[in-house]
Amino acid sequence: MVSGIFALENWFLIFLGVVWIIGAVLQDIKRREVDNLWNFSLIAFALAYRLIISIWVGDYWFVLNGVLGFVIFLGLGNLFYYCRLFAGGDAKLVIALGAILPLSYNWITNLEIFGAFILLFLICGSIYALIWAFCLVFINFKDFKKEFVKLWKIYKKMFLIALAFAILWSLFAILMNRVFLILIGLVILLFPVLFVFAKAVENCYMIKSVKPNKVTLGDWLYEDILIGGKKIKSNWEGVTEKELKLIQKKCRKNILIKQGIPFTPSFLFGFIVLLWLAWRYGWF
């Protein structure tokens, strides 16, 4: 087999990756969740294909690369999840792509591919999330402005503390004759503004009132709720199966659910940009 990111045996893997990411995007936009079966099936198809090709040519490094990639991304996916950077569906999609992305027989190259993909989808994700947020604000600016002003009054002390730190840092940068470090002071100053902006966007557009029978497994509660003397806490893992049964059986009022921005398009953008850069500039 020819070694290289666009070697013949890799084209089907690339096709699988694009198709499965698009499927995940459609699910995420429609239901704000990606089915576990969808993510797990990508792992099964990718590794099965790698095994068939390995048996056909008598070289088992092709399937071993996929297994190693899956193991590495299993660790990364869990790291992103438990650091609360990704929701469960996003983390599982990361893990599934681990079986796709080892597209070289050189593991230095594979590590470069992994690093480039993670960097690209995080950059694309940041840009995409900002565009999504600004579009939401533009659609209903009046409600956003009202919420922003309300939250600004609550978190005004945070800005004053950030201002004090920014001034001290800027003075330190000037004394050290490192004027360019003043930019860090500006970042410190911007943090409370961005925090209030994000919080206002969340409160205005990401909170949804639903009937108890419309709550689904893994939904994020906006706040703790009390049902029949039992408190169900709002946490990162979302509603458990036991909590869901309790909500649907005994709850008699609507529940506030927090919905995040569908993040899976970032995977598609990152994957496509990775392939384009590799094709255009021969990165790997």
C-alpha atoms as a PDB file:
ATOM      1  CA  MET A   1       0.000   0.000   0.000  1.00  0.00           C
ATOM      2  CA  VAL A   2       1.167   3.525  -0.789  1.00  0.00           C
ATOM      3  CA  SER A   3       1.903   5.673   2.252  1.00  0.00           C
ATOM      4  CA  GLY A   4       0.295   9.118   2.217  1.00  0.00           C
ATOM      5  CA  ILE A   5      -2.785  10.939   3.448  1.00  0.00           C
ATOM      6  CA  PHE A   6      -4.464  10.632   0.029  1.00  0.00           C
ATOM      7  CA  ALA A   7      -3.365   7.067  -0.692  1.00  0.00           C
ATOM      8  CA  LEU A   8      -6.004   5.000  -2.492  1.00  0.00           C
ATOM      9  CA  GLU A   9      -6.992   2.979   0.576  1.00  0.00           C
ATOM     10  CA  ASN A  10      -7.695   6.182   2.530  1.00  0.00           C
ATOM     11  CA  TRP A  11     -10.296   7.628   0.163  1.00  0.00           C
ATOM     12  CA  PHE A  12     -13.075   5.414   1.542  1.00  0.00           C
ATOM     13  CA  LEU A  13     -12.111   6.397   5.116  1.00  0.00           C
ATOM     14  CA  ILE A  14     -12.295  10.074   4.149  1.00  0.00           C
ATOM     15  CA  PHE A  15     -15.685   9.452   2.534  1.00  0.00           C
ATOM     16  CA  LEU A  16     -16.931   7.694   5.691  1.00  0.00           C
ATOM     17  CA  GLY A  17     -15.720  10.557   7.874  1.00  0.00           C
ATOM     18  CA  VAL A  18     -17.461  13.238   5.780  1.00  0.00           C
ATOM     19  CA  VAL A  19     -20.752  11.299   5.533  1.00  0.00           C
ATOM     20  CA  TRP A  20     -20.875  10.510   9.252  1.00  0.00           C
ATOM     21  CA  ILE A  21     -20.025  14.070  10.288  1.00  0.00           C
ATOM     22  CA  ILE A  22     -22.772  15.429   8.004  1.00  0.00           C
ATOM     23  CA  GLY A  23     -25.221  12.935   9.555  1.00  0.00           C
ATOM     24  CA  ALA A  24     -24.177  14.073  13.034  1.00  0.00           C
ATOM     25  CA  VAL A  25     -24.628  17.739  12.028  1.00  0.00           C
ATOM     26  CA  LEU A  26     -28.179  17.081  10.771  1.00  0.00           C
ATOM     27  CA  GLN A  27     -29.106  15.278  14.008  1.00  0.00           C
ATOM     28  CA  ASP A  28     -27.516  17.980  16.165  1.00  0.00           C
ATOM     29  CA  ILE A  29     -29.293  20.850  14.407  1.00  0.00           C
ATOM     30  CA  LYS A  30     -32.641  19.069  14.470  1.00  0.00           C
ATOM     31  CA  ARG A  31     -32.596  17.516  17.972  1.00  0.00           C
ATOM     32  CA  ARG A  32     -29.534  18.994  19.726  1.00  0.00           C
ATOM     33  CA  GLU A  33     -28.153  15.486  20.182  1.00  0.00           C
ATOM     34  CA  VAL A  34     -26.297  12.857  18.196  1.00  0.00           C
ATOM     35  CA  ASP A  35     -27.327   9.212  18.548  1.00  0.00           C
ATOM     36  CA  ASN A  36     -24.792   6.956  20.243  1.00  0.00           C
ATOM     37  CA  LEU A  37     -25.494   4.300  17.609  1.00  0.00           C
ATOM     38  CA  TRP A  38     -24.506   6.740  14.857  1.00  0.00           C
ATOM     39  CA  ASN A  39     -21.136   7.505  16.454  1.00  0.00           C
ATOM     40  CA  PHE A  40     -20.414   3.894  17.405  1.00  0.00           C
ATOM     41  CA  SER A  41     -21.301   2.650  13.924  1.00  0.00           C
ATOM     42  CA  LEU A  42     -18.573   4.881  12.452  1.00  0.00           C
ATOM     43  CA  ILE A  43     -16.026   3.133  14.662  1.00  0.00           C
ATOM     44  CA  ALA A  44     -17.339  -0.281  13.562  1.00  0.00           C
ATOM     45  CA  PHE A  45     -17.368   0.553   9.839  1.00  0.00           C
ATOM     46  CA  ALA A  46     -13.945   2.210   9.891  1.00  0.00           C
ATOM     47  CA  LEU A  47     -12.225  -0.624  11.773  1.00  0.00           C
ATOM     48  CA  ALA A  48     -14.025  -3.317   9.744  1.00  0.00           C
ATOM     49  CA  TYR A  49     -12.889  -1.667   6.511  1.00  0.00           C
ATOM     50  CA  ARG A  50      -9.325  -1.364   7.819  1.00  0.00           C
ATOM     51  CA  LEU A  51      -9.353  -5.061   8.783  1.00  0.00           C
ATOM     52  CA  ILE A  52     -10.646  -6.163   5.352  1.00  0.00           C
ATOM     53  CA  ILE A  53      -7.958  -4.121   3.557  1.00  0.00           C
ATOM     54  CA  SER A  54      -5.273  -5.446   5.909  1.00  0.00           C
ATOM     55  CA  ILE A  55      -6.294  -9.060   5.257  1.00  0.00           C
ATOM     56  CA  TRP A  56      -6.489  -8.397   1.503  1.00  0.00           C
ATOM     57  CA  VAL A  57      -2.937  -7.003   1.247  1.00  0.00           C
ATOM     58  CA  GLY A  58      -1.420  -8.981   4.125  1.00  0.00           C
ATOM     59  CA  ASP A  59      -0.285  -5.871   6.025  1.00  0.00           C
ATOM     60  CA  TYR A  60      -1.965  -5.415   9.414  1.00  0.00           C
ATOM     61  CA  TRP A  61      -0.562  -1.958  10.150  1.00  0.00           C
ATOM     62  CA  PHE A  62      -3.548  -0.441   8.385  1.00  0.00           C
ATOM     63  CA  VAL A  63      -5.997  -1.819  10.975  1.00  0.00           C
ATOM     64  CA  LEU A  64      -3.552  -1.384  13.873  1.00  0.00           C
ATOM     65  CA  ASN A  65      -3.233   2.307  12.997  1.00  0.00           C
ATOM     66  CA  GLY A  66      -7.009   2.623  13.248  1.00  0.00           C
ATOM     67  CA  VAL A  67      -7.074   0.877  16.631  1.00  0.00           C
ATOM     68  CA  LEU A  68      -4.262   3.083  17.965  1.00  0.00           C
ATOM     69  CA  GLY A  69      -6.017   6.203  16.673  1.00  0.00           C
ATOM     70  CA  PHE A  70      -9.255   5.093  18.329  1.00  0.00           C
ATOM     71  CA  VAL A  71      -7.460   4.559  21.673  1.00  0.00           C
ATOM     72  CA  ILE A  72      -5.768   7.978  21.513  1.00  0.00           C
ATOM     73  CA  PHE A  73      -9.023   9.761  20.665  1.00  0.00           C
ATOM     74  CA  LEU A  74     -10.841   7.763  23.328  1.00  0.00           C
ATOM     75  CA  GLY A  75      -8.571   9.503  25.822  1.00  0.00           C
ATOM     76  CA  LEU A  76      -9.007  12.902  24.138  1.00  0.00           C
ATOM     77  CA  GLY A  77     -12.789  12.558  23.962  1.00  0.00           C
ATOM     78  CA  ASN A  78     -13.039  11.717  27.649  1.00  0.00           C
ATOM     79  CA  LEU A  79     -10.649  14.571  28.486  1.00  0.00           C
ATOM     80  CA  PHE A  80     -12.819  17.058  26.566  1.00  0.00           C
ATOM     81  CA  TYR A  81     -15.969  15.689  28.178  1.00  0.00           C
ATOM     82  CA  TYR A  82     -14.791  15.678  31.788  1.00  0.00           C
ATOM     83  CA  CYS A  83     -13.189  19.107  31.352  1.00  0.00           C
ATOM     84  CA  ARG A  84     -16.687  20.176  30.263  1.00  0.00           C
ATOM     85  CA  LEU A  85     -15.536  21.378  26.868  1.00  0.00           C
ATOM     86  CA  PHE A  86     -17.800  18.975  24.951  1.00  0.00           C
ATOM     87  CA  ALA A  87     -21.167  17.391  25.524  1.00  0.00           C
ATOM     88  CA  GLY A  88     -21.464  13.611  25.339  1.00  0.00           C
ATOM     89  CA  GLY A  89     -22.402  13.395  21.652  1.00  0.00           C
ATOM     90  CA  ASP A  90     -19.544  15.681  20.584  1.00  0.00           C
ATOM     91  CA  ALA A  91     -17.034  13.721  22.674  1.00  0.00           C
ATOM     92  CA  LYS A  92     -18.204  10.423  21.147  1.00  0.00           C
ATOM     93  CA  LEU A  93     -17.863  11.865  17.641  1.00  0.00           C
ATOM     94  CA  VAL A  94     -14.267  12.822  18.486  1.00  0.00           C
ATOM     95  CA  ILE A  95     -13.639   9.255  19.653  1.00  0.00           C
ATOM     96  CA  ALA A  96     -15.187   7.810  16.476  1.00  0.00           C
ATOM     97  CA  LEU A  97     -13.000  10.000  14.252  1.00  0.00           C
ATOM     98  CA  GLY A  98      -9.966   8.471  15.937  1.00  0.00           C
ATOM     99  CA  ALA A  99     -10.538   5.359  13.814  1.00  0.00           C
ATOM    100  CA  ILE A 100     -10.532   7.517  10.657  1.00  0.00           C
ATOM    101  CA  LEU A 101      -7.721  10.026  11.110  1.00  0.00           C
ATOM    102  CA  PRO A 102      -4.574   7.844  11.168  1.00  0.00           C
ATOM    103  CA  LEU A 103      -4.145   8.327   7.419  1.00  0.00           C
ATOM    104  CA  SER A 104      -0.405   7.625   7.287  1.00  0.00           C
ATOM    105  CA  TYR A 105       1.942   4.763   8.161  1.00  0.00           C
ATOM    106  CA  ASN A 106       4.311   7.317   9.728  1.00  0.00           C
ATOM    107  CA  TRP A 107       3.175   8.059  13.274  1.00  0.00           C
ATOM    108  CA  ILE A 108       4.913  11.432  13.404  1.00  0.00           C
ATOM    109  CA  THR A 109       2.686  12.357  10.469  1.00  0.00           C
ATOM    110  CA  ASN A 110      -0.373  10.913  12.211  1.00  0.00           C
ATOM    111  CA  LEU A 111       0.318  12.977  15.314  1.00  0.00           C
ATOM    112  CA  GLU A 112       0.624  16.055  13.093  1.00  0.00           C
ATOM    113  CA  ILE A 113      -2.748  15.183  11.525  1.00  0.00           C
ATOM    114  CA  PHE A 114      -4.331  14.764  14.975  1.00  0.00           C
ATOM    115  CA  GLY A 115      -2.928  18.057  16.247  1.00  0.00           C
ATOM    116  CA  ALA A 116      -3.892  19.950  13.080  1.00  0.00           C
ATOM    117  CA  PHE A 117      -7.448  18.572  13.155  1.00  0.00           C
ATOM    118  CA  ILE A 118      -8.000  19.445  16.822  1.00  0.00           C
ATOM    119  CA  LEU A 119      -6.577  22.942  16.319  1.00  0.00           C
ATOM    120  CA  LEU A 120      -8.615  23.534  13.155  1.00  0.00           C
ATOM    121  CA  PHE A 121     -11.960  22.393  14.529  1.00  0.00           C
ATOM    122  CA  LEU A 122     -11.453  24.432  17.713  1.00  0.00           C
ATOM    123  CA  ILE A 123     -10.625  27.538  15.647  1.00  0.00           C
ATOM    124  CA  CYS A 124     -13.524  26.875  13.282  1.00  0.00           C
ATOM    125  CA  GLY A 125     -15.752  26.162  16.281  1.00  0.00           C
ATOM    126  CA  SER A 126     -14.881  29.462  17.941  1.00  0.00           C
ATOM    127  CA  ILE A 127     -15.596  31.443  14.770  1.00  0.00           C
ATOM    128  CA  TYR A 128     -18.787  29.478  14.107  1.00  0.00           C
ATOM    129  CA  ALA A 129     -20.052  29.931  17.697  1.00  0.00           C
ATOM    130  CA  LEU A 130     -19.443  33.694  17.553  1.00  0.00           C
ATOM    131  CA  ILE A 131     -21.269  33.999  14.224  1.00  0.00           C
ATOM    132  CA  TRP A 132     -24.166  31.914  15.575  1.00  0.00           C
ATOM    133  CA  ALA A 133     -24.362  34.063  18.726  1.00  0.00           C
ATOM    134  CA  PHE A 134     -24.230  37.371  16.814  1.00  0.00           C
ATOM    135  CA  CYS A 135     -26.956  36.138  14.449  1.00  0.00           C
ATOM    136  CA  LEU A 136     -29.186  35.336  17.424  1.00  0.00           C
ATOM    137  CA  VAL A 137     -28.509  38.779  18.901  1.00  0.00           C
ATOM    138  CA  PHE A 138     -29.245  40.467  15.568  1.00  0.00           C
ATOM    139  CA  ILE A 139     -32.583  38.639  15.200  1.00  0.00           C
ATOM    140  CA  ASN A 140     -33.868  39.870  18.580  1.00  0.00           C
ATOM    141  CA  PHE A 141     -31.589  42.659  19.768  1.00  0.00           C
ATOM    142  CA  LYS A 142     -34.204  44.266  22.045  1.00  0.00           C
ATOM    143  CA  ASP A 143     -34.480  41.246  24.361  1.00  0.00           C
ATOM    144  CA  PHE A 144     -30.708  40.757  24.327  1.00  0.00           C
ATOM    145  CA  LYS A 145     -30.031  44.396  25.265  1.00  0.00           C
ATOM    146  CA  LYS A 146     -32.447  44.189  28.183  1.00  0.00           C
ATOM    147  CA  GLU A 147     -30.833  40.975  29.481  1.00  0.00           C
ATOM    148  CA  PHE A 148     -27.294  42.291  28.946  1.00  0.00           C
ATOM    149  CA  VAL A 149     -27.989  45.462  30.965  1.00  0.00           C
ATOM    150  CA  LYS A 150     -29.553  43.400  33.764  1.00  0.00           C
ATOM    151  CA  LEU A 151     -26.588  41.015  33.946  1.00  0.00           C
ATOM    152  CA  TRP A 152     -24.069  43.851  33.651  1.00  0.00           C
ATOM    153  CA  LYS A 153     -25.451  45.375  36.851  1.00  0.00           C
ATOM    154  CA  ILE A 154     -25.060  42.006  38.583  1.00  0.00           C
ATOM    155  CA  TYR A 155     -21.498  41.346  37.363  1.00  0.00           C
ATOM    156  CA  LYS A 156     -20.223  44.938  37.364  1.00  0.00           C
ATOM    157  CA  LYS A 157     -17.807  44.144  40.197  1.00  0.00           C
ATOM    158  CA  MET A 158     -16.169  41.509  37.998  1.00  0.00           C
ATOM    159  CA  PHE A 159     -15.384  44.205  35.434  1.00  0.00           C
ATOM    160  CA  LEU A 160     -13.925  46.519  38.101  1.00  0.00           C
ATOM    161  CA  ILE A 161     -11.680  43.711  39.376  1.00  0.00           C
ATOM    162  CA  ALA A 162     -10.605  42.924  35.804  1.00  0.00           C
ATOM    163  CA  LEU A 163      -9.928  46.631  35.213  1.00  0.00           C
ATOM    164  CA  ALA A 164      -7.684  46.773  38.283  1.00  0.00           C
ATOM    165  CA  PHE A 165      -5.743  43.676  37.156  1.00  0.00           C
ATOM    166  CA  ALA A 166      -5.473  45.059  33.601  1.00  0.00           C
ATOM    167  CA  ILE A 167      -4.017  48.347  34.855  1.00  0.00           C
ATOM    168  CA  LEU A 168      -1.526  46.587  37.136  1.00  0.00           C
ATOM    169  CA  TRP A 169      -0.477  44.239  34.335  1.00  0.00           C
ATOM    170  CA  SER A 170      -0.069  47.144  31.901  1.00  0.00           C
ATOM    171  CA  LEU A 171       2.117  49.036  34.393  1.00  0.00           C
ATOM    172  CA  PHE A 172       4.208  45.891  34.858  1.00  0.00           C
ATOM    173  CA  ALA A 173       4.581  45.520  31.078  1.00  0.00           C
ATOM    174  CA  ILE A 174       5.719  49.147  30.737  1.00  0.00           C
ATOM    175  CA  LEU A 175       8.216  48.834  33.602  1.00  0.00           C
ATOM    176  CA  MET A 176       9.621  45.659  32.017  1.00  0.00           C
ATOM    177  CA  ASN A 177       9.842  47.468  28.674  1.00  0.00           C
ATOM    178  CA  ARG A 178       7.536  44.884  27.108  1.00  0.00           C
ATOM    179  CA  VAL A 179       4.808  47.136  25.759  1.00  0.00           C
ATOM    180  CA  PHE A 180       3.363  44.368  23.558  1.00  0.00           C
ATOM    181  CA  LEU A 181       2.358  42.531  26.759  1.00  0.00           C
ATOM    182  CA  ILE A 182      -0.282  45.224  27.301  1.00  0.00           C
ATOM    183  CA  LEU A 183      -2.401  43.165  24.897  1.00  0.00           C
ATOM    184  CA  ILE A 184      -2.788  40.597  27.687  1.00  0.00           C
ATOM    185  CA  GLY A 185      -4.202  43.382  29.858  1.00  0.00           C
ATOM    186  CA  LEU A 186      -6.797  44.079  27.164  1.00  0.00           C
ATOM    187  CA  VAL A 187      -7.737  40.380  27.134  1.00  0.00           C
ATOM    188  CA  ILE A 188      -8.201  40.485  30.922  1.00  0.00           C
ATOM    189  CA  LEU A 189     -10.403  43.554  30.506  1.00  0.00           C
ATOM    190  CA  LEU A 190     -12.497  41.922  27.795  1.00  0.00           C
ATOM    191  CA  PHE A 191     -13.162  38.744  29.798  1.00  0.00           C
ATOM    192  CA  PRO A 192     -16.070  40.075  31.938  1.00  0.00           C
ATOM    193  CA  VAL A 193     -17.644  41.693  28.858  1.00  0.00           C
ATOM    194  CA  LEU A 194     -17.514  38.423  26.930  1.00  0.00           C
ATOM    195  CA  PHE A 195     -18.771  36.538  29.987  1.00  0.00           C
ATOM    196  CA  VAL A 196     -21.830  38.796  30.316  1.00  0.00           C
ATOM    197  CA  PHE A 197     -22.383  38.630  26.541  1.00  0.00           C
ATOM    198  CA  ALA A 198     -22.346  34.805  26.602  1.00  0.00           C
ATOM    199  CA  LYS A 199     -24.597  34.687  29.669  1.00  0.00           C
ATOM    200  CA  ALA A 200     -27.094  37.084  28.081  1.00  0.00           C
ATOM    201  CA  VAL A 201     -27.161  35.018  24.864  1.00  0.00           C
ATOM    202  CA  GLU A 202     -27.733  31.865  26.914  1.00  0.00           C
ATOM    203  CA  ASN A 203     -30.564  33.367  28.966  1.00  0.00           C
ATOM    204  CA  CYS A 204     -32.280  34.893  25.929  1.00  0.00           C
ATOM    205  CA  TYR A 205     -31.950  32.129  23.369  1.00  0.00           C
ATOM    206  CA  MET A 206     -30.717  28.892  24.936  1.00  0.00           C
ATOM    207  CA  ILE A 207     -33.332  28.344  27.641  1.00  0.00           C
ATOM    208  CA  LYS A 208     -36.461  26.502  26.585  1.00  0.00           C
ATOM    209  CA  SER A 209     -39.587  25.667  28.569  1.00  0.00           C
ATOM    210  CA  VAL A 210     -40.819  22.141  27.801  1.00  0.00           C
ATOM    211  CA  LYS A 211     -43.544  19.835  29.055  1.00  0.00           C
ATOM    212  CA  PRO A 212     -42.372  16.934  31.271  1.00  0.00           C
ATOM    213  CA  ASN A 213     -43.170  14.375  28.564  1.00  0.00           C
ATOM    214  CA  LYS A 214     -40.897  16.268  26.139  1.00  0.00           C
ATOM    215  CA  VAL A 215     -37.820  16.007  28.362  1.00  0.00           C
ATOM    216  CA  THR A 216     -35.305  13.524  26.942  1.00  0.00           C
ATOM    217  CA  LEU A 217     -32.398  11.541  28.335  1.00  0.00           C
ATOM    218  CA  GLY A 218     -29.313  13.735  28.782  1.00  0.00           C
ATOM    219  CA  ASP A 219     -31.159  17.075  28.638  1.00  0.00           C
ATOM    220  CA  TRP A 220     -29.498  19.824  30.679  1.00  0.00           C
ATOM    221  CA  LEU A 221     -31.721  21.302  33.363  1.00  0.00           C
ATOM    222  CA  TYR A 222     -31.385  25.085  33.644  1.00  0.00           C
ATOM    223  CA  GLU A 223     -31.809  24.869  37.430  1.00  0.00           C
ATOM    224  CA  ASP A 224     -32.399  22.303  40.153  1.00  0.00           C
ATOM    225  CA  ILE A 225     -35.984  21.083  40.395  1.00  0.00           C
ATOM    226  CA  LEU A 226     -37.909  19.504  43.281  1.00  0.00           C
ATOM    227  CA  ILE A 227     -40.323  16.649  42.521  1.00  0.00           C
ATOM    228  CA  GLY A 228     -42.118  14.772  45.282  1.00  0.00           C
ATOM    229  CA  GLY A 229     -39.562  15.866  47.866  1.00  0.00           C
ATOM    230  CA  LYS A 230     -36.657  14.681  45.704  1.00  0.00           C
ATOM    231  CA  LYS A 231     -34.220  17.210  44.258  1.00  0.00           C
ATOM    232  CA  ILE A 232     -32.974  16.672  40.719  1.00  0.00           C
ATOM    233  CA  LYS A 233     -29.800  18.673  40.264  1.00  0.00           C
ATOM    234  CA  SER A 234     -28.753  20.543  37.172  1.00  0.00           C
ATOM    235  CA  ASN A 235     -25.386  19.128  36.130  1.00  0.00           C
ATOM    236  CA  TRP A 236     -23.135  18.540  33.132  1.00  0.00           C
ATOM    237  CA  GLU A 237     -24.145  14.891  32.675  1.00  0.00           C
ATOM    238  CA  GLY A 238     -27.776  15.882  32.106  1.00  0.00           C
ATOM    239  CA  VAL A 239     -30.943  14.047  33.091  1.00  0.00           C
ATOM    240  CA  THR A 240     -30.369  10.374  33.913  1.00  0.00           C
ATOM    241  CA  GLU A 241     -32.765   7.578  33.000  1.00  0.00           C
ATOM    242  CA  LYS A 242     -33.999   7.322  36.613  1.00  0.00           C
ATOM    243  CA  GLU A 243     -34.536  11.098  36.837  1.00  0.00           C
ATOM    244  CA  LEU A 244     -36.308  11.114  33.474  1.00  0.00           C
ATOM    245  CA  LYS A 245     -38.834   8.516  34.660  1.00  0.00           C
ATOM    246  CA  LEU A 246     -39.491  10.572  37.799  1.00  0.00           C
ATOM    247  CA  ILE A 247     -39.974  13.766  35.778  1.00  0.00           C
ATOM    248  CA  GLN A 248     -42.354  12.177  33.286  1.00  0.00           C
ATOM    249  CA  LYS A 249     -44.337  10.369  35.972  1.00  0.00           C
ATOM    250  CA  LYS A 250     -44.724  12.984  38.721  1.00  0.00           C
ATOM    251  CA  CYS A 251     -43.884  16.442  37.364  1.00  0.00           C
ATOM    252  CA  ARG A 252     -46.943  18.607  36.623  1.00  0.00           C
ATOM    253  CA  LYS A 253     -45.349  21.813  35.340  1.00  0.00           C
ATOM    254  CA  ASN A 254     -43.086  22.845  32.526  1.00  0.00           C
ATOM    255  CA  ILE A 255     -39.333  22.487  32.999  1.00  0.00           C
ATOM    256  CA  LEU A 256     -36.592  24.843  31.845  1.00  0.00           C
ATOM    257  CA  ILE A 257     -34.051  23.067  29.632  1.00  0.00           C
ATOM    258  CA  LYS A 258     -30.745  24.572  28.559  1.00  0.00           C
ATOM    259  CA  GLN A 259     -29.794  24.012  24.932  1.00  0.00           C
ATOM    260  CA  GLY A 260     -26.293  24.672  23.654  1.00  0.00           C
ATOM    261  CA  ILE A 261     -25.233  25.781  20.204  1.00  0.00           C
ATOM    262  CA  PRO A 262     -25.013  22.721  17.905  1.00  0.00           C
ATOM    263  CA  PHE A 263     -21.235  22.265  17.793  1.00  0.00           C
ATOM    264  CA  THR A 264     -20.913  19.410  15.299  1.00  0.00           C
ATOM    265  CA  PRO A 265     -20.631  21.758  12.258  1.00  0.00           C
ATOM    266  CA  SER A 266     -17.201  22.660  13.680  1.00  0.00           C
ATOM    267  CA  PHE A 267     -16.069  19.068  13.060  1.00  0.00           C
ATOM    268  CA  LEU A 268     -17.185  19.299   9.433  1.00  0.00           C
ATOM    269  CA  PHE A 269     -15.454  22.651   8.886  1.00  0.00           C
ATOM    270  CA  GLY A 270     -12.285  21.433  10.610  1.00  0.00           C
ATOM    271  CA  PHE A 271     -12.205  18.148   8.666  1.00  0.00           C
ATOM    272  CA  ILE A 272     -12.734  19.839   5.296  1.00  0.00           C
ATOM    273  CA  VAL A 273     -10.123  22.537   6.000  1.00  0.00           C
ATOM    274  CA  LEU A 274      -7.663  19.824   7.103  1.00  0.00           C
ATOM    275  CA  LEU A 275      -8.142  17.904   3.845  1.00  0.00           C
ATOM    276  CA  TRP A 276      -7.955  21.074   1.748  1.00  0.00           C
ATOM    277  CA  LEU A 277      -4.728  22.238   3.391  1.00  0.00           C
ATOM    278  CA  ALA A 278      -3.203  18.767   3.049  1.00  0.00           C
ATOM    279  CA  TRP A 279      -4.181  18.682  -0.637  1.00  0.00           C
ATOM    280  CA  ARG A 280      -3.182  22.280  -1.406  1.00  0.00           C
ATOM    281  CA  TYR A 281       0.093  22.479   0.465  1.00  0.00           C
ATOM    282  CA  GLY A 282       1.064  18.837   0.915  1.00  0.00           C
ATOM    283  CA  TRP A 283       1.290  19.326   4.685  1.00  0.00           C
ATOM    284  CA  PHE A 284       1.652  15.694   5.562  1.00  0.00           C
END
